[in-house]
Amino acid sequence: MSYKVIIEEENDGRYSASCPGLPGCYSWGHSKKEALENIKEAIEGYLEVADELINEKLRNKKAVLEEITV
């Protein structure tokens, strides 16, 4: 799966990284490469937690998970 990320050079020379499609998913690095590696890990962690929350919601309710393509 692909995600768009925004990389910005900060005033102190570090790079911040965010994923606009995943609110609150941020990271940083001392280089652009490190920031990209770190945001990839942050995205993986974000998705893992989101998946756990979805599964918990499905267990606790009479809910059905549907998938759509837009």
N, C-alpha and C. Protein backbone atom coordinates (compact mmCIF):
# COMPACT_ATOMS: atom_id res chain seq x y z
N MET A 1 0.83 -1.16 0.00
CA MET A 1 0.00 0.00 0.00
C MET A 1 0.89 1.24 0.00
N SER A 2 0.50 2.26 -0.70
CA SER A 2 1.28 3.49 -0.78
C SER A 2 0.59 4.62 -0.02
N TYR A 3 1.38 5.45 0.61
CA TYR A 3 0.88 6.62 1.32
C TYR A 3 1.70 7.83 0.92
N LYS A 4 1.05 8.95 0.79
CA LYS A 4 1.77 10.20 0.53
C LYS A 4 2.27 10.73 1.86
N VAL A 5 3.52 11.21 1.86
CA VAL A 5 4.09 11.80 3.06
C VAL A 5 4.66 13.17 2.72
N ILE A 6 4.65 14.05 3.70
CA ILE A 6 5.23 15.38 3.55
C ILE A 6 6.51 15.42 4.37
N ILE A 7 7.61 15.81 3.72
CA ILE A 7 8.90 15.95 4.38
C ILE A 7 9.25 17.43 4.36
N GLU A 8 9.57 17.98 5.53
CA GLU A 8 9.93 19.39 5.62
C GLU A 8 11.25 19.54 6.38
N GLU A 9 12.13 20.37 5.84
CA GLU A 9 13.37 20.66 6.56
C GLU A 9 13.07 21.73 7.61
N GLU A 10 13.46 21.44 8.85
CA GLU A 10 13.22 22.36 9.96
C GLU A 10 14.38 23.34 10.09
N ASN A 11 14.19 24.39 10.88
CA ASN A 11 15.22 25.42 11.07
C ASN A 11 16.51 24.87 11.67
N ASP A 12 16.39 23.79 12.45
CA ASP A 12 17.58 23.21 13.10
C ASP A 12 18.28 22.17 12.22
N GLY A 13 17.82 22.00 10.98
CA GLY A 13 18.45 21.07 10.06
C GLY A 13 17.84 19.68 10.05
N ARG A 14 16.99 19.39 11.03
CA ARG A 14 16.31 18.09 11.03
C ARG A 14 15.17 18.12 10.01
N TYR A 15 14.61 16.93 9.75
CA TYR A 15 13.50 16.81 8.81
C TYR A 15 12.29 16.22 9.53
N SER A 16 11.16 16.89 9.38
CA SER A 16 9.92 16.35 9.94
C SER A 16 9.18 15.63 8.83
N ALA A 17 8.41 14.64 9.21
CA ALA A 17 7.66 13.84 8.24
C ALA A 17 6.25 13.62 8.79
N SER A 18 5.28 13.74 7.90
CA SER A 18 3.89 13.49 8.30
C SER A 18 3.17 12.79 7.16
N CYS A 19 2.12 12.08 7.53
CA CYS A 19 1.29 11.38 6.56
C CYS A 19 -0.11 11.98 6.63
N PRO A 20 -0.47 12.86 5.70
CA PRO A 20 -1.76 13.54 5.77
C PRO A 20 -2.96 12.60 5.77
N GLY A 21 -2.83 11.44 5.18
CA GLY A 21 -3.93 10.48 5.13
C GLY A 21 -4.18 9.75 6.44
N LEU A 22 -3.25 9.89 7.39
CA LEU A 22 -3.36 9.24 8.70
C LEU A 22 -3.18 10.31 9.77
N PRO A 23 -4.25 10.96 10.20
CA PRO A 23 -4.15 12.06 11.16
C PRO A 23 -3.35 11.68 12.41
N GLY A 24 -2.41 12.54 12.76
CA GLY A 24 -1.60 12.31 13.94
C GLY A 24 -0.38 11.44 13.71
N CYS A 25 -0.15 11.02 12.48
CA CYS A 25 1.00 10.17 12.16
C CYS A 25 2.17 11.05 11.72
N TYR A 26 3.13 11.23 12.66
CA TYR A 26 4.28 12.10 12.44
C TYR A 26 5.56 11.40 12.85
N SER A 27 6.68 11.87 12.30
CA SER A 27 7.99 11.41 12.72
C SER A 27 9.02 12.45 12.31
N TRP A 28 10.29 12.14 12.49
CA TRP A 28 11.35 13.06 12.10
C TRP A 28 12.64 12.28 11.94
N GLY A 29 13.66 12.95 11.42
CA GLY A 29 14.97 12.34 11.29
C GLY A 29 16.03 13.40 11.10
N HIS A 30 17.29 13.01 11.27
CA HIS A 30 18.40 13.94 11.09
C HIS A 30 18.69 14.18 9.61
N SER A 31 18.20 13.30 8.75
CA SER A 31 18.33 13.45 7.30
C SER A 31 16.99 13.13 6.67
N LYS A 32 16.85 13.48 5.39
CA LYS A 32 15.61 13.17 4.68
C LYS A 32 15.40 11.66 4.64
N LYS A 33 16.48 10.92 4.40
CA LYS A 33 16.41 9.46 4.34
C LYS A 33 15.94 8.88 5.67
N GLU A 34 16.52 9.38 6.76
CA GLU A 34 16.13 8.89 8.08
C GLU A 34 14.67 9.23 8.39
N ALA A 35 14.24 10.43 8.00
CA ALA A 35 12.85 10.83 8.22
C ALA A 35 11.90 9.91 7.46
N LEU A 36 12.26 9.54 6.23
CA LEU A 36 11.43 8.62 5.44
C LEU A 36 11.37 7.24 6.07
N GLU A 37 12.50 6.75 6.56
CA GLU A 37 12.53 5.45 7.24
C GLU A 37 11.66 5.49 8.50
N ASN A 38 11.76 6.58 9.24
CA ASN A 38 11.01 6.70 10.50
C ASN A 38 9.51 6.85 10.26
N ILE A 39 9.12 7.60 9.22
CA ILE A 39 7.68 7.75 8.96
C ILE A 39 7.11 6.43 8.47
N LYS A 40 7.90 5.63 7.78
CA LYS A 40 7.43 4.31 7.36
C LYS A 40 7.12 3.46 8.59
N GLU A 41 8.00 3.48 9.58
CA GLU A 41 7.76 2.74 10.83
C GLU A 41 6.53 3.29 11.55
N ALA A 42 6.39 4.62 11.55
CA ALA A 42 5.23 5.24 12.21
C ALA A 42 3.93 4.82 11.53
N ILE A 43 3.93 4.76 10.21
CA ILE A 43 2.74 4.35 9.46
C ILE A 43 2.41 2.90 9.79
N GLU A 44 3.41 2.03 9.81
CA GLU A 44 3.17 0.62 10.14
C GLU A 44 2.57 0.48 11.54
N GLY A 45 3.10 1.22 12.51
CA GLY A 45 2.56 1.18 13.86
C GLY A 45 1.14 1.72 13.93
N TYR A 46 0.90 2.81 13.23
CA TYR A 46 -0.43 3.42 13.18
C TYR A 46 -1.45 2.42 12.65
N LEU A 47 -1.10 1.75 11.55
CA LEU A 47 -2.03 0.80 10.93
C LEU A 47 -2.26 -0.41 11.82
N GLU A 48 -1.23 -0.84 12.52
CA GLU A 48 -1.37 -1.98 13.43
C GLU A 48 -2.36 -1.66 14.55
N VAL A 49 -2.23 -0.48 15.13
CA VAL A 49 -3.14 -0.07 16.20
C VAL A 49 -4.55 0.11 15.65
N ALA A 50 -4.68 0.73 14.47
CA ALA A 50 -6.00 0.92 13.87
C ALA A 50 -6.67 -0.41 13.62
N ASP A 51 -5.91 -1.40 13.15
CA ASP A 51 -6.46 -2.73 12.90
C ASP A 51 -6.95 -3.38 14.19
N GLU A 52 -6.18 -3.22 15.27
CA GLU A 52 -6.58 -3.76 16.57
C GLU A 52 -7.88 -3.11 17.05
N LEU A 53 -8.00 -1.79 16.86
CA LEU A 53 -9.21 -1.08 17.28
C LEU A 53 -10.43 -1.53 16.47
N ILE A 54 -10.23 -1.76 15.19
CA ILE A 54 -11.33 -2.24 14.33
C ILE A 54 -11.77 -3.62 14.79
N ASN A 55 -10.81 -4.50 15.03
CA ASN A 55 -11.15 -5.87 15.46
C ASN A 55 -11.88 -5.86 16.80
N GLU A 56 -11.45 -4.99 17.71
CA GLU A 56 -12.10 -4.89 19.01
C GLU A 56 -13.55 -4.42 18.85
N LYS A 57 -13.75 -3.45 17.99
CA LYS A 57 -15.10 -2.93 17.75
C LYS A 57 -15.99 -4.02 17.15
N LEU A 58 -15.45 -4.81 16.24
CA LEU A 58 -16.23 -5.88 15.62
C LEU A 58 -16.60 -6.96 16.62
N ARG A 59 -15.72 -7.25 17.58
CA ARG A 59 -16.00 -8.27 18.59
C ARG A 59 -17.09 -7.82 19.56
N ASN A 60 -17.12 -6.55 19.86
CA ASN A 60 -18.02 -6.03 20.88
C ASN A 60 -19.40 -5.64 20.37
N LYS A 61 -19.62 -5.67 19.08
CA LYS A 61 -20.90 -5.24 18.53
C LYS A 61 -21.33 -6.17 17.40
N LYS A 62 -22.55 -6.03 17.02
CA LYS A 62 -23.03 -6.76 15.85
C LYS A 62 -22.73 -5.92 14.63
N ALA A 63 -21.45 -5.80 14.34
CA ALA A 63 -20.99 -4.96 13.25
C ALA A 63 -20.40 -5.82 12.15
N VAL A 64 -20.42 -5.29 10.96
CA VAL A 64 -19.86 -5.97 9.79
C VAL A 64 -18.86 -5.03 9.14
N LEU A 65 -17.71 -5.55 8.78
CA LEU A 65 -16.70 -4.76 8.11
C LEU A 65 -16.91 -4.87 6.61
N GLU A 66 -17.04 -3.74 5.96
CA GLU A 66 -17.21 -3.69 4.51
C GLU A 66 -16.03 -2.92 3.92
N GLU A 67 -15.68 -3.22 2.69
CA GLU A 67 -14.59 -2.52 2.01
C GLU A 67 -15.14 -1.93 0.72
N ILE A 68 -14.80 -0.66 0.46
CA ILE A 68 -15.22 -0.02 -0.77
C ILE A 68 -14.01 0.57 -1.48
N THR A 69 -14.13 0.74 -2.76
CA THR A 69 -13.09 1.38 -3.55
C THR A 69 -13.64 2.71 -4.06
N VAL A 70 -12.86 3.74 -3.88
CA VAL A 70 -13.29 5.07 -4.31
C VAL A 70 -12.41 5.53 -5.45
